[in-house]
Amino acid sequence: MAGEAKRIYLDTNILAYVANTKAPQHQAALEIFRPTEREILCVSSQV
């Protein structure tokens, strides 16, 4: 499932970007990708 792994990797990069910028206008991006809580926690621990 290389495709799925790549999708998660890209989603994680977007989450990291949003977490770093903390810009309200990027909330729409989070709603579009709808990441799982586990992915959010993973990114939060890295930032």
C-alpha atoms as a PDB file:
ATOM      1  CA  MET A   1       0.000   0.000   0.000  1.00  0.00           C
ATOM      2  CA  ALA A   2       2.638   2.508  -1.035  1.00  0.00           C
ATOM      3  CA  GLY A   3      -0.053   4.897  -2.267  1.00  0.00           C
ATOM      4  CA  GLU A   4      -1.792   4.983   1.099  1.00  0.00           C
ATOM      5  CA  ALA A   5       1.485   5.536   2.934  1.00  0.00           C
ATOM      6  CA  LYS A   6       2.318   8.411   0.597  1.00  0.00           C
ATOM      7  CA  ARG A   7      -1.097   9.993   1.149  1.00  0.00           C
ATOM      8  CA  ILE A   8      -0.671   9.847   4.929  1.00  0.00           C
ATOM      9  CA  TYR A   9       2.826  11.299   4.578  1.00  0.00           C
ATOM     10  CA  LEU A  10       1.494  14.244   2.566  1.00  0.00           C
ATOM     11  CA  ASP A  11      -1.372  14.771   5.021  1.00  0.00           C
ATOM     12  CA  THR A  12       1.117  14.804   7.888  1.00  0.00           C
ATOM     13  CA  ASN A  13       3.245  17.413   6.129  1.00  0.00           C
ATOM     14  CA  ILE A  14       0.184  19.617   5.698  1.00  0.00           C
ATOM     15  CA  LEU A  15      -0.731  19.196   9.362  1.00  0.00           C
ATOM     16  CA  ALA A  16       2.805  20.106  10.400  1.00  0.00           C
ATOM     17  CA  TYR A  17       2.641  23.223   8.225  1.00  0.00           C
ATOM     18  CA  VAL A  18      -0.681  24.265   9.710  1.00  0.00           C
ATOM     19  CA  ALA A  19       0.558  23.618  13.246  1.00  0.00           C
ATOM     20  CA  ASN A  20       3.660  25.704  12.602  1.00  0.00           C
ATOM     21  CA  THR A  21       1.830  28.647  11.057  1.00  0.00           C
ATOM     22  CA  LYS A  22      -1.200  28.501  13.386  1.00  0.00           C
ATOM     23  CA  ALA A  23      -3.064  30.525  10.775  1.00  0.00           C
ATOM     24  CA  PRO A  24      -6.906  30.420  11.049  1.00  0.00           C
ATOM     25  CA  GLN A  25      -7.341  30.440   7.275  1.00  0.00           C
ATOM     26  CA  HIS A  26      -5.690  27.019   7.086  1.00  0.00           C
ATOM     27  CA  GLN A  27      -8.457  25.402   9.128  1.00  0.00           C
ATOM     28  CA  ALA A  28     -10.211  24.689   5.828  1.00  0.00           C
ATOM     29  CA  ALA A  29      -7.303  22.476   4.807  1.00  0.00           C
ATOM     30  CA  LEU A  30      -7.761  20.398   7.951  1.00  0.00           C
ATOM     31  CA  GLU A  31     -11.448  19.946   7.178  1.00  0.00           C
ATOM     32  CA  ILE A  32     -10.681  18.838   3.618  1.00  0.00           C
ATOM     33  CA  PHE A  33      -8.178  16.152   4.597  1.00  0.00           C
ATOM     34  CA  ARG A  34      -9.967  15.101   7.810  1.00  0.00           C
ATOM     35  CA  PRO A  35      -6.924  13.499   9.488  1.00  0.00           C
ATOM     36  CA  THR A  36      -7.366  10.930  12.220  1.00  0.00           C
ATOM     37  CA  GLU A  37      -6.752  11.859  15.838  1.00  0.00           C
ATOM     38  CA  ARG A  38      -3.739   9.570  15.875  1.00  0.00           C
ATOM     39  CA  GLU A  39      -2.140  11.514  13.019  1.00  0.00           C
ATOM     40  CA  ILE A  40      -2.839  14.811  14.772  1.00  0.00           C
ATOM     41  CA  LEU A  41      -1.270  13.564  18.002  1.00  0.00           C
ATOM     42  CA  CYS A  42       1.736  12.298  16.057  1.00  0.00           C
ATOM     43  CA  VAL A  43       2.291  15.682  14.437  1.00  0.00           C
ATOM     44  CA  SER A  44       1.653  17.546  17.677  1.00  0.00           C
ATOM     45  CA  SER A  45       4.371  15.557  19.403  1.00  0.00           C
ATOM     46  CA  GLN A  46       6.833  16.427  16.627  1.00  0.00           C
ATOM     47  CA  VAL A  47       6.183  20.175  16.558  1.00  0.00           C
END
